[in-house]
Protein backbone atom coordinates (compact mmCIF):
# COMPACT_ATOMS: atom_id res chain seq x y z
CA GLN A 1 244.95 130.68 140.97
CA ALA A 2 244.33 132.88 144.03
CA GLY A 3 247.95 132.41 145.06
CA HIS A 4 249.11 133.36 141.57
CA VAL A 5 247.01 136.56 141.68
CA GLY A 6 248.42 137.50 145.07
CA LEU A 7 251.97 136.89 143.87
CA CYS A 8 251.36 139.06 140.79
CA ARG A 9 250.03 141.88 142.97
CA ARG A 10 253.04 141.78 145.28
CA ALA A 11 255.39 141.61 142.31
CA THR A 12 253.58 144.56 140.73
CA GLN A 13 254.03 146.65 143.86
CA LEU A 14 257.71 145.76 144.09
CA VAL A 15 258.34 146.53 140.43
CA ALA A 16 256.53 149.88 140.75
CA MET A 17 258.89 150.85 143.56
CA CYS A 18 261.90 149.82 141.47
CA ILE A 19 260.63 151.83 138.50
CA ALA A 20 260.25 154.91 140.67
CA ILE A 21 263.83 154.50 141.89
CA SER A 22 265.09 153.91 138.35
CA ALA A 23 263.89 157.38 137.39
CA LEU A 24 267.18 158.58 138.89
CA SER A 25 269.22 156.25 136.67
CA PRO A 26 270.78 157.12 133.28
CA PRO A 27 268.47 157.34 130.24
CA SER A 28 267.10 154.13 128.70
CA SER A 29 269.15 152.48 125.96
CA ALA A 30 265.97 151.80 123.96
CA ALA A 31 265.98 153.09 120.40
CA THR A 32 263.63 153.38 117.47
CA ILE A 33 264.73 152.33 114.00
CA GLY A 34 262.87 154.01 111.16
CA LYS A 35 259.41 155.52 111.25
CA GLY A 36 255.83 154.33 111.38
CA SER A 37 254.07 153.49 108.12
CA SER A 38 250.58 153.07 106.67
CA THR A 39 251.40 152.01 103.12
CA ARG A 40 249.51 149.33 101.24
CA LYS A 41 252.73 147.38 100.75
CA ASP A 42 253.33 147.20 104.50
CA ARG A 43 249.69 146.29 105.12
CA GLN A 44 249.90 143.42 102.66
CA GLU A 45 253.18 142.21 104.17
CA ALA A 46 251.67 142.36 107.65
CA ALA A 47 248.63 140.36 106.53
CA ARG A 48 250.91 137.68 105.06
CA ALA A 49 252.88 137.51 108.32
CA ILE A 50 249.81 136.46 110.32
CA PRO A 51 250.12 132.69 111.03
CA VAL A 52 246.65 131.93 109.67
CA GLU A 53 247.40 128.23 109.23
CA ARG A 54 248.04 127.89 112.97
CA LEU A 55 244.79 129.56 114.08
CA THR A 56 241.54 127.90 115.02
CA VAL A 57 238.56 128.26 112.69
CA ASP A 58 236.91 130.62 115.18
CA ALA A 59 240.02 132.83 115.35
CA ARG A 60 240.30 133.00 111.56
CA GLN A 61 236.66 134.04 111.29
CA LYS A 62 237.21 136.81 113.82
CA ILE A 63 240.27 138.41 112.28
CA SER A 64 239.67 137.90 108.55
CA PRO A 65 237.13 140.75 108.00
CA VAL A 66 239.28 143.20 109.98
CA VAL A 67 242.53 142.34 108.18
CA ALA A 68 240.83 142.29 104.76
CA LYS A 69 239.12 145.67 105.09
CA PRO A 70 240.48 147.85 107.90
CA SER A 71 239.37 151.44 108.41
CA LEU A 72 242.94 152.18 109.42
CA PHE A 73 246.24 150.31 109.21
CA ARG A 74 249.39 151.35 111.02
CA ARG A 75 252.83 149.79 111.28
CA MET A 76 254.52 151.18 114.37
CA PRO A 77 258.19 152.18 114.22
CA PRO A 78 260.49 149.29 115.22
CA CYS A 79 261.73 149.73 118.78
CA VAL A 80 264.82 147.97 120.15
CA ILE A 81 265.16 147.43 123.89
CA ASP A 82 267.51 145.70 126.32
CA CYS A 83 265.34 143.09 128.06
CA ASP A 84 265.29 139.52 129.31
CA PRO A 85 263.32 137.37 126.80
CA GLN A 86 261.24 135.56 129.43
CA MET A 87 260.31 138.81 131.17
CA HIS A 88 259.46 140.36 127.80
CA ARG A 89 257.10 137.55 126.82
CA PHE A 90 255.50 137.55 130.28
CA LEU A 91 254.69 141.27 130.12
CA VAL A 92 253.36 140.96 126.55
CA ARG A 93 251.05 138.12 127.57
CA TYR A 94 250.00 139.72 130.86
CA PRO A 95 249.52 143.41 129.99
CA GLU A 96 247.47 143.97 133.14
CA VAL A 97 250.72 143.78 135.11
CA VAL A 98 252.11 146.80 133.25
CA VAL A 99 248.80 148.68 133.54
CA ASN A 100 248.63 148.06 137.29
CA ILE A 101 252.18 149.37 137.68
CA TRP A 102 251.14 152.55 135.88
CA ARG A 103 248.12 152.87 138.18
CA LEU A 104 250.27 152.45 141.29
CA MET A 105 252.54 155.18 139.94
CA GLY A 106 249.51 157.40 139.34
CA ILE A 107 250.26 157.99 135.65
CA THR A 108 247.18 156.45 134.00
CA LYS A 109 243.43 156.06 134.31
CA VAL A 110 243.47 152.84 132.32
CA SER A 111 242.36 149.67 134.12
CA ALA A 112 242.84 146.07 133.01
CA ASP A 113 241.36 142.93 134.56
CA ARG A 114 241.88 139.34 133.48
CA GLU A 115 238.72 137.47 132.53
CA GLY A 116 240.31 134.18 131.51
CA PRO A 117 243.61 132.56 130.53
CA PHE A 118 243.78 134.54 127.28
CA ILE A 119 241.32 137.44 127.75
CA VAL A 120 241.77 140.83 129.41
CA ASN A 121 239.07 143.48 129.80
CA ALA A 122 240.34 147.07 129.70
CA GLN A 123 238.88 150.56 130.18
CA ASP A 124 240.66 153.82 129.44
CA GLY A 125 238.69 155.87 131.98
CA VAL A 126 237.24 158.26 129.39
CA GLY A 127 234.63 156.14 127.66
CA THR A 128 236.37 153.26 125.88
CA THR A 129 235.87 149.63 126.93
CA THR A 130 237.79 146.84 125.20
CA LYS A 131 238.10 143.06 125.40
CA VAL A 132 241.58 141.92 124.35
CA GLU A 133 242.07 138.26 123.41
CA LEU A 134 245.44 136.64 122.78
CA ILE A 135 244.53 134.23 119.99
CA TYR A 136 248.06 133.12 119.12
CA GLY A 137 251.49 133.37 120.70
CA ASP A 138 254.88 131.75 120.20
CA GLN A 139 258.48 132.79 120.80
CA ASP A 140 258.46 135.49 118.13
CA LYS A 141 254.84 136.41 117.36
CA HIS A 142 251.81 137.46 119.37
CA LEU A 143 248.44 137.97 117.69
CA MET A 144 245.62 139.72 119.55
CA TYR A 145 242.00 140.35 118.64
CA CYS A 146 240.16 143.23 120.28
CA GLU A 147 236.48 144.16 120.40
CA GLY A 148 235.40 147.39 121.98
CA TYR A 149 233.15 150.40 122.07
CA TYR A 150 233.32 154.07 122.92
CA ASP A 151 230.44 155.71 124.82
CA GLY A 152 231.29 159.29 125.65
CA PRO A 153 230.70 162.96 124.84
CA LEU A 154 232.44 162.94 121.45
CA PHE A 155 229.61 161.04 119.70
CA ARG A 156 225.86 160.85 120.18
CA ARG A 157 225.76 157.07 119.93
CA PRO A 158 228.14 154.40 121.17
CA LEU A 159 230.89 153.69 118.65
CA THR A 160 231.87 150.06 118.09
CA GLY A 161 234.85 148.49 116.37
CA ARG A 162 237.39 145.72 116.20
CA CYS A 163 241.17 145.57 116.05
CA VAL A 164 243.84 143.02 115.17
CA LEU A 165 247.33 143.50 116.62
CA LEU A 166 250.36 141.59 115.39
CA LEU A 167 253.52 141.95 117.48
CA ARG A 168 256.73 140.49 116.07
CA SER A 169 259.86 140.28 118.20
CA ASP A 170 263.42 139.44 117.20
CA TYR A 171 265.89 138.37 119.89
CA GLN A 172 269.64 138.93 119.56
CA GLN A 173 272.18 138.13 122.26
CA THR A 174 275.16 140.48 122.53
CA LYS A 175 278.80 139.57 123.18
CA THR A 176 278.23 140.47 126.84
CA ASP A 177 275.35 137.94 127.02
CA ARG A 178 272.69 140.63 127.26
CA TRP A 179 269.58 140.48 125.08
CA ARG A 180 268.48 143.09 122.57
CA ILE A 181 264.87 142.70 121.46
CA SER A 182 263.46 144.39 118.37
CA ASN A 183 259.68 144.87 118.46
CA ARG A 184 257.40 145.72 115.55
CA MET A 185 253.62 146.02 115.85
CA ASP A 186 251.07 146.10 113.02
CA VAL A 187 247.56 147.38 113.74
CA PHE A 188 244.41 146.70 111.73
CA LEU A 189 241.48 148.81 112.98
CA GLN A 190 237.90 148.51 111.75
CA ILE A 191 235.20 150.99 112.81
CA ASP A 192 231.49 150.37 112.26
CA ASN A 193 230.13 153.92 111.90
CA ILE A 194 230.59 155.08 108.29
CA ALA A 195 230.86 158.79 109.14
CA VAL A 196 233.46 158.19 111.85
CA ASP A 197 235.30 155.86 109.48
CA ALA A 198 235.64 158.77 107.05
CA VAL A 199 236.87 161.06 109.82
CA THR A 200 239.39 158.41 110.89
CA ARG A 201 240.81 158.26 107.38
CA THR A 202 241.03 162.07 107.29
CA LEU A 203 242.86 162.23 110.62
CA HIS A 204 244.99 159.20 109.82
CA PRO A 205 248.39 161.03 109.96
CA LEU A 206 247.62 162.51 113.39
CA LEU A 207 246.27 159.24 114.78
CA GLY A 208 249.26 157.36 113.38
CA LYS A 209 251.80 159.62 115.09
CA SER A 210 249.92 159.35 118.40
CA ALA A 211 249.84 155.55 118.15
CA ASP A 212 253.55 155.48 117.27
CA LEU A 213 254.42 157.51 120.36
CA ASN A 214 252.31 155.34 122.65
CA PHE A 215 253.89 152.15 121.30
CA VAL A 216 257.45 153.45 121.65
CA GLN A 217 256.89 154.72 125.20
CA SER A 218 255.20 151.49 126.27
CA THR A 219 258.01 149.39 124.80
CA GLN A 220 260.66 151.52 126.49
CA PHE A 221 258.82 150.99 129.79
CA LEU A 222 259.36 147.24 129.42
CA GLU A 223 263.08 147.93 129.32
CA ARG A 224 262.81 149.93 132.54
CA ILE A 225 261.20 146.92 134.21
């Protein structure tokens, strides 16, 4: 395990250098198709797409309340990138690699540390701490359950909540043997504080657009790698 960690660190440093060099290359070929959505129809479709029958009893108990009654639902705009399938799945399952690249480049305050084979602890540097657990993953779907809290100047008391993320990926090989990967992420967010829950619903359009932008930019970064 120690050797694996050392290899990941060296690979992260190398990739960060390559990304910096690639800033001089032509623009990314990544593209978004359509817009983000928060409709009930999309929320219901997203809930049906969760592979509940393949989850453990513990995993079902964790996600069911969040999916059934989210404070906020958002379907991110589909984003298509040119990427190797194995590299894509690796970066999805090991997000700390991407975060550490960003830190080496000096473009984020976010930190991410692996706690176990399927759990990553993350902090955004401004008050939010989150535990992200990959509870299911196959070739086309990745389901994550997050628990976290915010303790900062915006609220008098710590704010707690949970989130379910469903990432679906479609792989298509082109005539030139390159791979085009279409990514779509659905987000179910549940906040405990009733007052903040009401504010979240009020600011839903603004929060949705911000989440859309973050998802698109993060996905395009995978293509750069």
